[in-house]
C-alpha cells in the first residue's frame, strides 16, 4: 500500500507552501489542460521562489498588493505564490472585467504591479493610464511588449543574495493574504480583506468536515477572483499536496472531465444541472450509475461540492442515485468562502448543512444569518463604514440572508433579506428558490429572473442556453414547458404566470456579476418595458 506523505502543520500560507513542496518534492503539482506544462512540487516551488525574487527586485514587499489579471494557468499559481512568499497580498481581476471594473479594484487595492497575459494587456495599459490608480509596472507571463516587463526581465530583476525563506518566515497569521472583491450586486464591489489566519482556519475546517485527504487531483476552471475557486484549487492544494490541472476556458470543462477525472470537484449548481441534463438526454432518466459517472468523468470523485447559489433537491438527489454524494455548502467571501457544510454521510437535502468546526452560526430576531469565528474577514478595504455595518461589536458578521436552523443545527437559506418578493397579497416568496425550480426542470433556459414584488402574480425574464436551443425544434415552446413543470412544484402564489425571452446574459455584463449572480435592480431598470408588458398585455 502506498504511503501518503504527511505535511507538517503550518500557521501561514507561506509556511504551508514551503512544507508541502519539501514533503511532496517529485509528486505532480501543476499541469496545463493540454499537457504542455507538468510541474512537480519541487519545480513549482523553484518557479515561485524565482518569482518572489523578481517581484522583490521591482519593489514588492510585505504588506503590498499585487494584481493578477490571468486565466487559469500554472503561471497564476507561480505569480500568486511569489507574492505570497514576500508577505504581499496577491488578488485577482476577473477575465471578463471591463477597463472601468478593473480600474476600480486595482485602484482600491492600491497596487503598483500587475501580472497579466497578452489577452488582457490592452486593458492593463488603459488602467495604468488613468490617474485613479497607483499602477506603474505591468509584467507579462508570456510574450513581450515595449510597455511591459517580460517574465524573463522580471526574473532578472532579482537582487543578489535574495533569500525567499527569510521573507516567508517573516509572514504572520495576521498579515493580509488576499483581497476578494464582492460581486457588486447592489453597488461597487468591496474588497474583502482575508488574512493568512483566515485562510488557514478555513482549510483546516474544510479538511475536517469534508474528509479531504492529501495527494488528490483537482481541476481549476472557475475564476480565481472568486473565493471558492481560489480556496478549492489554490489554498487547499498547497496544504494537501494536490495535483491541479488548469483549464483556461471554462466552457471546455464538461468535455475535459472524462479526460482529467478529478478526485475533488467543485461547481455552482449550473454545471451539475447541465451535466445531469446531458446524461438524462443520452442515457435516460435512470442511467446505470457506474456508466453514467464514467461518461461524465466523475467516477473517481471522492468529494463533490456545490455552492454559491441554491442547488435544487432534484439535482442533489440525481447525483446521489448515481453514488456521488453532492455536498452543498454556504458561505460568503467575508467568511473565506464557507461557513456551513453538508458533510459526507450527513447530507440533509434542502439545507446547506451545519456550521464548520470553530464557526458559530445563529439567527437574529429578524431571521438574518449571523456568523462568527476565525474564518470571518478582518474588514472591507478602505471602507470602515461598510465594515462597521457588516461586523458588529460582538464580532458577528451580518450576512444579509434570511435563514432557518433546525433542531440538529442544519441551516436553510430562505433568500436575501433585500430580495424577497412580497406579492400584492402580502405573501413572502424567495425568487432564488423559484428560479432554482425552473433551472432544475430542463436545460433550454440558461438564466431566469423571477419578478413579482408588489404585483398580483409572478413573471420572469429568461435567456436561452445556446447549445440546448440549437438542438431544440422549438426553443420558446420548450422553455414554456420547462416553466410549466417547475410551476407544478411551486405553490400557486409562487408560480410564474408569464415570461419573456430576452437576449443572452453574460457574466460581468449588465445583468450578471462575474460569479453569475443576478443584478436584480439593473435587470428591473433595463427591462422595465418588457416587465410592464407582461402585466398589461
Protein backbone atom coordinates (compact mmCIF):
# COMPACT_ATOMS: atom_id res chain seq x y z
CA UNK A 1 0.00 0.00 0.00
CA UNK A 2 1.30 3.46 -0.95
CA UNK A 3 2.09 5.70 2.00
CA UNK A 4 0.80 9.26 1.58
CA UNK A 5 3.25 11.85 2.96
CA UNK A 6 2.07 13.99 5.84
CA UNK A 7 2.60 17.74 5.54
CA UNK A 8 3.67 19.40 8.81
CA UNK A 9 1.26 21.85 10.43
CA UNK A 10 1.72 25.49 9.46
CA UNK A 11 0.45 28.89 10.61
CA UNK A 12 0.66 30.83 7.33
CA UNK A 13 0.28 30.12 3.62
CA UNK A 14 3.98 30.82 3.10
CA UNK A 15 4.92 28.25 5.71
CA UNK A 16 2.36 25.73 4.39
CA UNK A 17 3.59 26.04 0.81
CA UNK A 18 7.19 25.53 1.82
CA UNK A 19 6.32 22.48 3.92
CA UNK A 20 4.22 20.93 1.14
CA UNK A 21 6.90 21.48 -1.51
CA UNK A 22 9.53 19.92 0.76
CA UNK A 23 7.26 16.97 1.59
CA UNK A 24 5.99 16.15 -1.90
CA UNK A 25 9.07 17.01 -3.95
CA UNK A 26 8.76 14.99 -7.17
CA UNK A 27 4.98 14.43 -6.92
CA UNK A 28 2.85 16.24 -9.56
CA UNK A 29 1.64 19.70 -8.58
CA UNK A 30 0.53 21.74 -11.59
CA UNK A 31 -0.28 20.94 -15.18
CA UNK A 32 -2.00 22.66 -18.07
CA UNK A 33 -5.09 21.11 -19.64
CA UNK A 34 -3.20 20.45 -22.88
CA UNK A 35 -0.37 18.70 -21.02
CA UNK A 36 2.27 21.17 -22.23
CA UNK A 37 3.13 22.09 -18.62
CA UNK A 38 3.72 19.43 -15.98
CA UNK A 39 5.42 20.67 -12.83
CA UNK A 40 6.30 18.74 -9.72
CA UNK A 41 6.09 20.35 -6.32
CA UNK A 42 9.84 20.95 -6.41
CA UNK A 43 9.56 22.70 -9.78
CA UNK A 44 6.53 24.72 -8.59
CA UNK A 45 8.48 25.87 -5.54
CA UNK A 46 11.52 26.75 -7.64
CA UNK A 47 9.42 28.87 -10.02
CA UNK A 48 7.56 30.56 -7.12
CA UNK A 49 10.79 31.47 -5.32
CA UNK A 50 12.22 32.89 -8.54
CA UNK A 51 9.04 34.96 -8.98
CA UNK A 52 9.34 36.18 -5.38
CA UNK A 53 12.92 37.28 -6.03
CA UNK A 54 11.94 39.14 -9.19
CA UNK A 55 8.94 40.83 -7.56
CA UNK A 56 11.15 41.88 -4.66
CA UNK A 57 13.61 43.30 -7.18
CA UNK A 58 10.95 45.60 -8.66
CA UNK A 59 9.88 46.85 -5.25
CA UNK A 60 7.18 44.48 -3.99
CA UNK A 61 7.38 43.81 -0.27
CA UNK A 62 5.45 42.72 2.77
CA UNK A 63 2.10 44.48 3.04
CA UNK A 64 1.93 45.44 -0.64
CA UNK A 65 -0.74 44.24 -3.04
CA UNK A 66 -0.20 42.67 -6.48
CA UNK A 67 -2.90 42.38 -9.13
CA UNK A 68 -3.22 39.22 -11.23
CA UNK A 69 -5.21 39.55 -14.45
CA UNK A 70 -4.80 35.99 -15.69
CA UNK A 71 -6.75 32.99 -16.92
CA UNK A 72 -6.46 29.69 -15.08
CA UNK A 73 -2.90 28.64 -15.87
CA UNK A 74 0.11 27.30 -13.95
CA UNK A 75 1.66 30.76 -14.17
CA UNK A 76 -1.14 32.13 -11.99
CA UNK A 77 -0.12 29.87 -9.11
CA UNK A 78 3.54 30.81 -9.53
CA UNK A 79 2.87 34.57 -9.56
CA UNK A 80 0.43 34.32 -6.66
CA UNK A 81 2.80 32.27 -4.52
CA UNK A 82 5.75 34.50 -5.44
CA UNK A 83 3.91 37.49 -3.98
CA UNK A 84 2.67 35.45 -1.01
CA UNK A 85 6.20 34.34 -0.07
CA UNK A 86 7.15 38.02 0.18
CA UNK A 87 4.27 38.76 2.56
CA UNK A 88 2.45 40.69 -0.16
CA UNK A 89 -1.25 40.15 -0.93
CA UNK A 90 -1.98 38.98 -4.48
CA UNK A 91 -5.54 39.37 -5.74
CA UNK A 92 -7.29 38.50 -8.99
CA UNK A 93 -9.12 40.57 -11.60
CA UNK A 94 -11.94 38.79 -13.42
CA UNK A 95 -11.06 37.93 -17.00
CA UNK A 96 -14.42 39.40 -18.06
CA UNK A 97 -13.72 42.77 -16.42
CA UNK A 98 -14.07 45.96 -18.40
CA UNK A 99 -11.41 48.66 -18.06
CA UNK A 100 -13.69 50.56 -15.66
CA UNK A 101 -14.24 47.48 -13.50
CA UNK A 102 -10.53 46.66 -13.43
CA UNK A 103 -9.72 50.29 -12.65
CA UNK A 104 -11.99 50.16 -9.59
CA UNK A 105 -10.44 47.08 -7.97
CA UNK A 106 -6.84 47.95 -8.90
CA UNK A 107 -7.30 51.49 -7.64
CA UNK A 108 -8.98 50.34 -4.44
CA UNK A 109 -6.23 47.79 -3.77
CA UNK A 110 -3.55 50.44 -4.26
CA UNK A 111 -1.17 48.14 -6.13
CA UNK A 112 1.85 49.26 -8.17
CA UNK A 113 2.34 45.97 -10.02
CA UNK A 114 0.07 43.83 -12.16
CA UNK A 115 0.90 40.43 -13.66
CA UNK A 116 -1.08 39.66 -16.80
CA UNK A 117 -1.08 37.94 -20.18
CA UNK A 118 -1.38 39.28 -23.76
CA UNK A 119 -5.19 38.90 -23.87
CA UNK A 120 -5.58 41.48 -21.08
CA UNK A 121 -2.60 43.72 -21.83
CA UNK A 122 -4.61 46.46 -23.54
CA UNK A 123 -6.90 46.63 -20.51
CA UNK A 124 -3.94 46.82 -18.13
CA UNK A 125 -2.35 49.60 -20.19
CA UNK A 126 -5.63 51.53 -20.18
CA UNK A 127 -5.94 51.19 -16.40
CA UNK A 128 -2.35 52.37 -15.90
CA UNK A 129 -3.06 55.47 -17.99
CA UNK A 130 -5.77 56.57 -15.58
CA UNK A 131 -4.94 58.81 -12.64
CA UNK A 132 -7.18 56.93 -10.20
CA UNK A 133 -4.70 54.07 -9.71
CA UNK A 134 -1.14 53.73 -8.45
CA UNK A 135 -0.34 51.15 -11.12
CA UNK A 136 3.18 51.50 -12.54
CA UNK A 137 4.58 48.18 -13.69
CA UNK A 138 2.98 45.58 -15.95
CA UNK A 139 4.53 42.10 -16.08
CA UNK A 140 3.67 39.65 -18.89
CA UNK A 141 3.78 35.93 -18.10
CA UNK A 142 4.33 35.28 -21.82
CA UNK A 143 5.10 37.36 -24.89
CA UNK A 144 6.66 40.80 -24.99
CA UNK A 145 5.60 44.44 -25.31
CA UNK A 146 7.51 47.69 -25.14
CA UNK A 147 5.28 48.96 -22.33
CA UNK A 148 5.64 45.89 -20.10
CA UNK A 149 8.25 43.70 -18.45
CA UNK A 150 8.68 40.22 -19.85
CA UNK A 151 8.77 37.32 -17.42
CA UNK A 152 12.46 36.91 -18.15
CA UNK A 153 13.06 40.58 -17.30
CA UNK A 154 11.16 40.15 -14.04
CA UNK A 155 13.32 37.20 -13.02
CA UNK A 156 16.45 39.12 -14.00
CA UNK A 157 15.47 41.87 -11.54
CA UNK A 158 16.15 39.55 -8.59
CA UNK A 159 18.75 41.07 -6.24
CA UNK A 160 21.89 39.16 -5.35
CA UNK A 161 21.64 37.11 -2.20
CA UNK A 162 17.83 37.13 -2.10
CA UNK A 163 16.51 34.56 0.39
CA UNK A 164 12.85 33.62 -0.15
CA UNK A 165 12.81 31.58 3.07
CA UNK A 166 13.76 34.62 5.11
CA UNK A 167 10.86 36.65 3.73
CA UNK A 168 8.42 33.76 4.08
CA UNK A 169 9.37 33.27 7.72
CA UNK A 170 8.52 36.90 8.49
CA UNK A 171 4.87 36.47 7.44
CA UNK A 172 2.40 36.24 10.34
CA UNK A 173 -1.18 34.89 10.59
CA UNK A 174 -2.47 38.47 10.90
CA UNK A 175 -0.92 39.58 7.61
CA UNK A 176 -3.20 40.18 4.64
CA UNK A 177 -3.25 37.12 2.36
CA UNK A 178 -5.56 38.28 -0.42
CA UNK A 179 -8.40 40.57 -1.42
CA UNK A 180 -11.65 39.15 -2.76
CA UNK A 181 -13.85 41.71 -4.44
CA UNK A 182 -17.56 41.13 -3.89
CA UNK A 183 -19.95 40.65 -6.78
CA UNK A 184 -21.28 44.16 -6.73
CA UNK A 185 -24.96 43.20 -6.99
CA UNK A 186 -26.01 46.29 -5.02
CA UNK A 187 -23.14 48.70 -5.73
CA UNK A 188 -19.43 48.94 -6.44
CA UNK A 189 -17.50 45.80 -5.40
CA UNK A 190 -15.96 45.92 -1.93
CA UNK A 191 -12.55 44.43 -1.20
CA UNK A 192 -12.84 41.68 1.41
CA UNK A 193 -9.58 41.50 3.37
CA UNK A 194 -8.66 37.92 4.26
CA UNK A 195 -5.65 37.16 6.42
CA UNK A 196 -3.35 34.15 6.46
CA UNK A 197 -5.08 33.14 9.68
CA UNK A 198 -8.48 33.27 7.98
CA UNK A 199 -7.35 31.01 5.14
CA UNK A 200 -5.51 28.53 7.36
CA UNK A 201 -8.57 28.21 9.63
CA UNK A 202 -10.83 27.67 6.62
CA UNK A 203 -8.69 24.93 5.09
CA UNK A 204 -8.37 23.13 8.44
CA UNK A 205 -12.14 23.25 8.99
CA UNK A 206 -12.93 22.06 5.45
CA UNK A 207 -10.43 19.25 5.73
CA UNK A 208 -12.09 18.03 8.92
CA UNK A 209 -15.67 18.43 7.68
CA UNK A 210 -15.28 17.03 4.16
CA UNK A 211 -12.65 14.41 4.92
CA UNK A 212 -10.17 15.90 2.43
CA UNK A 213 -7.02 13.83 2.06
CA UNK A 214 -3.53 14.53 0.80
CA UNK A 215 -2.39 13.87 -2.75
CA UNK A 216 -5.72 14.19 -4.59
CA UNK A 217 -6.39 15.58 -8.09
CA UNK A 218 -8.44 18.72 -8.70
CA UNK A 219 -9.36 20.89 -11.69
CA UNK A 220 -9.05 24.68 -11.71
CA UNK A 221 -11.63 26.09 -14.12
CA UNK A 222 -13.62 28.86 -12.40
CA UNK A 223 -12.36 32.45 -11.95
CA UNK A 224 -9.60 32.78 -9.35
CA UNK A 225 -11.12 36.14 -8.42
CA UNK A 226 -13.89 34.14 -6.72
CA UNK A 227 -13.08 32.86 -3.24
CA UNK A 228 -14.47 29.39 -3.98
CA UNK A 229 -12.01 28.64 -6.77
CA UNK A 230 -9.07 30.29 -5.02
CA UNK A 231 -9.85 28.21 -1.96
CA UNK A 232 -10.57 24.86 -3.65
CA UNK A 233 -7.80 24.77 -6.25
CA UNK A 234 -5.11 27.01 -4.78
CA UNK A 235 -5.18 27.25 -1.00
CA UNK A 236 -6.35 23.69 -0.25
CA UNK A 237 -3.92 22.04 -2.73
CA UNK A 238 -0.93 23.97 -1.43
CA UNK A 239 -1.57 22.49 2.01
CA UNK A 240 -2.53 18.96 0.97
CA UNK A 241 -0.13 18.36 -1.90
CA UNK A 242 -2.81 18.04 -4.57
CA UNK A 243 -2.25 17.93 -8.31
CA UNK A 244 -4.14 20.77 -10.04
CA UNK A 245 -4.92 20.87 -13.75
CA UNK A 246 -5.57 24.39 -15.05
CA UNK A 247 -8.36 24.89 -17.60
CA UNK A 248 -8.20 28.40 -19.13
CA UNK A 249 -11.58 28.18 -20.91
CA UNK A 250 -14.41 27.24 -18.52
CA UNK A 251 -16.62 26.32 -21.49
CA UNK A 252 -14.39 23.29 -22.06
CA UNK A 253 -14.86 21.78 -18.61
CA UNK A 254 -17.62 19.27 -19.49
CA UNK A 255 -15.55 17.85 -22.35
CA UNK A 256 -12.37 17.69 -20.23
CA UNK A 257 -13.79 16.00 -17.14
CA UNK A 258 -13.73 12.49 -18.71
CA UNK A 259 -10.05 13.07 -19.52
CA UNK A 260 -8.97 14.65 -16.23
CA UNK A 261 -11.12 12.57 -13.81
CA UNK A 262 -10.71 14.69 -10.67
CA UNK A 263 -10.97 13.29 -7.16
CA UNK A 264 -12.29 16.59 -5.80
CA UNK A 265 -14.63 18.77 -7.81
CA UNK A 266 -16.48 21.99 -7.01
CA UNK A 267 -19.04 23.77 -9.15
CA UNK A 268 -22.00 26.08 -8.63
CA UNK A 269 -25.31 24.28 -9.32
CA UNK A 270 -25.49 25.28 -13.01
CA UNK A 271 -22.83 22.81 -14.20
CA UNK A 272 -24.25 19.98 -12.07
CA UNK A 273 -27.63 20.73 -13.67
CA UNK A 274 -26.20 20.74 -17.20
CA UNK A 275 -24.23 17.54 -16.66
CA UNK A 276 -27.36 15.89 -15.32
CA UNK A 277 -29.41 17.05 -18.32
CA UNK A 278 -26.76 15.71 -20.69
CA UNK A 279 -26.70 12.29 -19.03
CA UNK A 280 -30.50 12.04 -18.99
CA UNK A 281 -30.67 13.00 -22.66
CA UNK A 282 -28.06 10.39 -23.57
CA UNK A 283 -28.77 7.57 -21.11
CA UNK A 284 -32.34 8.10 -19.90
CA UNK A 285 -33.91 9.16 -16.59
CA UNK A 286 -32.43 6.20 -14.66
CA UNK A 287 -28.98 5.57 -16.11
CA UNK A 288 -26.61 2.89 -14.89
CA UNK A 289 -24.68 4.58 -12.04
CA UNK A 290 -21.19 3.38 -12.93
CA UNK A 291 -21.61 4.05 -16.63
CA UNK A 292 -23.16 7.48 -16.09
CA UNK A 293 -20.45 8.69 -13.72
CA UNK A 294 -17.75 7.41 -16.05
CA UNK A 295 -19.39 9.16 -19.00
CA UNK A 296 -19.39 12.44 -17.08
CA UNK A 297 -15.80 11.97 -15.91
CA UNK A 298 -16.88 11.95 -12.27
CA UNK A 299 -16.36 8.27 -11.42
CA UNK A 300 -13.24 8.98 -9.35
CA UNK A 301 -14.66 11.94 -7.40
CA UNK A 302 -14.31 11.35 -3.67
CA UNK A 303 -15.84 14.67 -2.65
CA UNK A 304 -18.18 16.69 -4.86
CA UNK A 305 -19.21 20.14 -3.64
CA UNK A 306 -21.73 22.72 -4.81
CA UNK A 307 -22.41 26.21 -3.55
CA UNK A 308 -22.64 29.94 -4.44
CA UNK A 309 -26.35 29.51 -5.32
CA UNK A 310 -29.24 27.26 -4.23
CA UNK A 311 -28.99 23.73 -5.64
CA UNK A 312 -32.36 22.08 -6.37
CA UNK A 313 -33.07 18.96 -4.33
CA UNK A 314 -33.74 17.04 -7.56
CA UNK A 315 -30.20 17.71 -8.75
CA UNK A 316 -28.62 16.55 -5.50
CA UNK A 317 -30.91 13.52 -5.49
CA UNK A 318 -29.94 12.60 -9.05
CA UNK A 319 -26.22 12.54 -8.29
CA UNK A 320 -26.84 10.65 -5.06
CA UNK A 321 -28.73 7.99 -7.05
CA UNK A 322 -25.54 7.53 -9.09
CA UNK A 323 -23.43 7.16 -5.97
CA UNK A 324 -21.97 10.66 -5.89
CA UNK A 325 -22.95 12.40 -2.67
CA UNK A 326 -23.08 16.09 -3.54
CA UNK A 327 -22.20 18.26 -0.53
CA UNK A 328 -23.89 21.66 -0.58
CA UNK A 329 -22.10 24.43 1.32
CA UNK A 330 -22.92 28.00 2.28
CA UNK A 331 -20.73 30.97 2.89
CA UNK A 332 -19.52 34.31 1.61
CA UNK A 333 -16.29 35.94 0.57
CA UNK A 334 -16.46 37.50 4.02
CA UNK A 335 -16.24 34.02 5.63
CA UNK A 336 -13.32 32.93 3.43
CA UNK A 337 -15.81 31.05 1.30
CA UNK A 338 -17.56 28.57 3.60
CA UNK A 339 -19.40 28.78 6.93
CA UNK A 340 -21.66 25.71 6.83
CA UNK A 341 -21.31 22.37 5.08
CA UNK A 342 -23.33 19.25 4.38
CA UNK A 343 -20.63 16.75 5.26
CA UNK A 344 -20.30 13.38 3.50
CA UNK A 345 -22.50 10.84 5.25
CA UNK A 346 -24.53 13.56 6.93
CA UNK A 347 -26.12 15.41 3.99
CA UNK A 348 -29.57 16.80 4.66
CA UNK A 349 -31.05 17.76 1.28
CA UNK A 350 -32.75 21.15 1.25
CA UNK A 351 -30.30 22.61 3.75
CA UNK A 352 -26.78 24.00 3.45
CA UNK A 353 -25.53 21.92 6.36
CA UNK A 354 -24.12 22.67 9.78
CA UNK A 355 -21.53 25.16 10.94
CA UNK A 356 -17.87 24.40 10.28
CA UNK A 357 -15.75 23.47 13.29
CA UNK A 358 -14.90 26.66 15.15
CA UNK A 359 -17.63 28.70 13.44
CA UNK A 360 -20.80 29.90 15.18
CA UNK A 361 -23.98 30.39 13.16
CA UNK A 362 -27.12 31.92 14.71
CA UNK A 363 -30.20 33.86 13.62
CA UNK A 364 -31.03 37.41 14.62
CA UNK A 365 -34.51 38.34 15.84
CA UNK A 366 -35.32 39.24 12.23
CA UNK A 367 -34.15 35.84 10.98
CA UNK A 368 -30.87 37.10 9.50
CA UNK A 369 -27.99 34.62 9.43
CA UNK A 370 -25.11 35.79 11.66
CA UNK A 371 -21.68 34.15 11.71
CA UNK A 372 -18.63 34.42 13.94
CA UNK A 373 -15.28 32.65 14.03
CA UNK A 374 -11.70 32.58 12.75
CA UNK A 375 -12.83 32.44 9.09
CA UNK A 376 -14.54 35.85 9.25
CA UNK A 377 -12.73 38.63 7.37
CA UNK A 378 -10.89 41.40 9.12
CA UNK A 379 -12.90 44.00 7.18
CA UNK A 380 -13.51 45.75 3.86
CA UNK A 381 -10.57 47.57 2.32
CA UNK A 382 -10.85 51.35 2.62
CA UNK A 383 -14.46 51.03 3.82
CA UNK A 384 -14.71 51.44 7.60
CA UNK A 385 -18.38 52.37 7.17
CA UNK A 386 -19.23 49.16 5.36
CA UNK A 387 -17.11 47.15 7.79
CA UNK A 388 -18.99 48.59 10.76
CA UNK A 389 -22.29 47.78 9.07
CA UNK A 390 -21.32 44.17 8.37
CA UNK A 391 -19.40 43.36 11.57
CA UNK A 392 -20.98 44.28 14.89
CA UNK A 393 -19.11 44.91 18.13
CA UNK A 394 -19.57 41.31 19.17
CA UNK A 395 -17.70 40.07 16.11
CA UNK A 396 -20.82 38.78 14.37
CA UNK A 397 -20.90 39.03 10.58
CA UNK A 398 -24.33 40.06 9.31
CA UNK A 399 -24.91 38.06 6.12
CA UNK A 400 -27.98 39.80 4.72
CA UNK A 401 -29.53 36.35 4.22
CA UNK A 402 -32.76 35.12 5.80
CA UNK A 403 -32.41 31.62 7.21
CA UNK A 404 -33.83 28.92 9.45
CA UNK A 405 -31.94 26.47 11.69
CA UNK A 406 -33.46 23.14 12.68
CA UNK A 407 -33.03 21.25 15.93
CA UNK A 408 -29.93 19.47 14.63
CA UNK A 409 -28.20 22.68 13.61
CA UNK A 410 -28.81 22.41 9.85
CA UNK A 411 -29.18 25.80 8.18
CA UNK A 412 -31.67 26.53 5.42
CA UNK A 413 -31.31 29.76 3.42
CA UNK A 414 -34.62 31.39 2.54
CA UNK A 415 -33.27 34.29 0.47
CA UNK A 416 -31.50 37.62 0.60
CA UNK A 417 -33.28 39.95 3.03
CA UNK A 418 -33.49 42.69 0.40
CA UNK A 419 -34.52 40.39 -2.44
CA UNK A 420 -37.62 38.67 -1.06
CA UNK A 421 -40.68 39.02 -3.27
CA UNK A 422 -43.67 40.29 -1.34
CA UNK A 423 -46.69 39.87 -3.61
CA UNK A 424 -49.75 42.11 -3.65
CA UNK A 425 -51.42 39.65 -1.28
CA UNK A 426 -48.60 40.10 1.26
CA UNK A 427 -47.08 36.65 0.68
CA UNK A 428 -43.28 36.46 1.13
CA UNK A 429 -41.57 34.42 -1.60
CA UNK A 430 -37.97 33.54 -2.40
CA UNK A 431 -37.06 34.42 -6.00
CA UNK A 432 -33.92 32.28 -5.73
CA UNK A 433 -35.99 29.18 -4.88
CA UNK A 434 -38.42 29.87 -7.73
CA UNK A 435 -35.52 30.32 -10.16
CA UNK A 436 -33.80 27.16 -8.94
CA UNK A 437 -37.01 25.21 -9.55
CA UNK A 438 -37.14 26.44 -13.14
CA UNK A 439 -33.48 25.67 -13.88
CA UNK A 440 -33.80 22.15 -12.48
CA UNK A 441 -36.63 21.22 -14.87
CA UNK A 442 -34.71 21.39 -18.12
CA UNK A 443 -31.68 22.71 -19.96
CA UNK A 444 -33.04 25.14 -22.54
CA UNK A 445 -33.30 28.01 -20.04
CA UNK A 446 -29.89 29.35 -19.09
CA UNK A 447 -30.82 32.24 -16.76
CA UNK A 448 -34.09 33.17 -15.14
CA UNK A 449 -35.07 36.20 -13.08
CA UNK A 450 -38.36 35.98 -11.16
CA UNK A 451 -40.27 39.25 -10.64
CA UNK A 452 -43.37 39.96 -8.61
CA UNK A 453 -42.69 42.36 -5.74
CA UNK A 454 -45.94 44.25 -5.07
CA UNK A 455 -47.55 42.62 -8.09
CA UNK A 456 -50.65 40.39 -8.37
CA UNK A 457 -48.64 37.45 -9.75
CA UNK A 458 -45.07 36.47 -10.66
CA UNK A 459 -43.47 36.80 -14.09
CA UNK A 460 -39.99 36.03 -15.31
CA UNK A 461 -37.33 37.10 -17.77
CA UNK A 462 -35.38 34.18 -19.20
CA UNK A 463 -32.42 33.64 -21.51
CA UNK A 464 -31.89 30.51 -23.57
CA UNK A 465 -28.93 28.18 -23.41
CA UNK A 466 -27.28 28.44 -26.87
CA UNK A 467 -26.35 24.75 -27.07
CA UNK A 468 -29.71 23.43 -25.92
CA UNK A 469 -31.61 25.90 -28.11
CA UNK A 470 -29.56 24.89 -31.16
CA UNK A 471 -30.82 21.30 -30.99
CA UNK A 472 -34.39 22.14 -29.99
CA UNK A 473 -37.19 22.07 -32.56
CA UNK A 474 -38.97 24.93 -30.79
CA UNK A 475 -36.90 26.64 -28.03
CA UNK A 476 -39.67 29.04 -26.84
CA UNK A 477 -42.15 26.18 -26.53
CA UNK A 478 -39.58 24.07 -24.70
CA UNK A 479 -38.92 26.98 -22.34
CA UNK A 480 -42.64 27.26 -21.65
CA UNK A 481 -42.80 23.54 -20.88
CA UNK A 482 -39.81 23.85 -18.54
CA UNK A 483 -41.54 26.65 -16.63
CA UNK A 484 -44.79 24.71 -16.51
CA UNK A 485 -43.01 21.71 -14.99
CA UNK A 486 -41.50 23.99 -12.35
CA UNK A 487 -44.90 25.55 -11.63
CA UNK A 488 -46.28 22.12 -10.70
CA UNK A 489 -43.75 22.00 -7.87
CA UNK A 490 -44.39 25.54 -6.66
CA UNK A 491 -47.18 26.89 -4.51
CA UNK A 492 -49.86 28.66 -6.55
CA UNK A 493 -48.77 32.09 -5.36
CA UNK A 494 -45.15 31.31 -6.34
CA UNK A 495 -45.87 30.15 -9.88
CA UNK A 496 -44.68 32.08 -12.92
CA UNK A 497 -47.72 33.13 -14.91
CA UNK A 498 -45.98 34.80 -17.85
CA UNK A 499 -42.44 35.10 -19.13
CA UNK A 500 -40.41 36.86 -21.80
CA UNK A 501 -37.29 35.61 -23.57
CA UNK A 502 -34.53 38.23 -23.68
CA UNK A 503 -31.05 38.21 -25.29
CA UNK A 504 -28.28 36.20 -23.65
CA UNK A 505 -26.77 37.49 -20.38
CA UNK A 506 -23.02 37.23 -19.95
CA UNK A 507 -21.02 37.12 -16.69
CA UNK A 508 -19.71 40.58 -15.89
CA UNK A 509 -22.36 42.24 -18.04
CA UNK A 510 -25.27 44.48 -17.13
CA UNK A 511 -27.41 41.62 -15.81
CA UNK A 512 -24.98 39.14 -14.22
CA UNK A 513 -21.99 39.52 -11.95
CA UNK A 514 -18.79 37.68 -12.79
CA UNK A 515 -19.96 34.95 -10.39
CA UNK A 516 -23.30 34.56 -12.22
CA UNK A 517 -25.42 36.31 -9.59
CA UNK A 518 -28.39 38.30 -10.88
CA UNK A 519 -28.15 42.09 -10.75
CA UNK A 520 -31.84 42.39 -9.96
CA UNK A 521 -32.09 46.18 -9.77
CA UNK A 522 -30.20 46.60 -13.03
CA UNK A 523 -32.39 43.98 -14.71
CA UNK A 524 -35.58 45.66 -13.46
CA UNK A 525 -34.42 49.01 -14.82
CA UNK A 526 -33.14 47.75 -18.18
CA UNK A 527 -36.18 45.59 -18.92
CA UNK A 528 -38.84 47.82 -17.38
CA UNK A 529 -40.86 47.94 -20.60
CA UNK A 530 -40.74 44.15 -21.07
CA UNK A 531 -41.77 43.57 -17.46
CA UNK A 532 -44.64 46.03 -17.68
CA UNK A 533 -45.84 44.35 -20.87
CA UNK A 534 -46.05 41.03 -19.03
CA UNK A 535 -48.54 42.62 -16.62
CA UNK A 536 -50.53 44.72 -19.09
CA UNK A 537 -50.68 42.78 -22.35
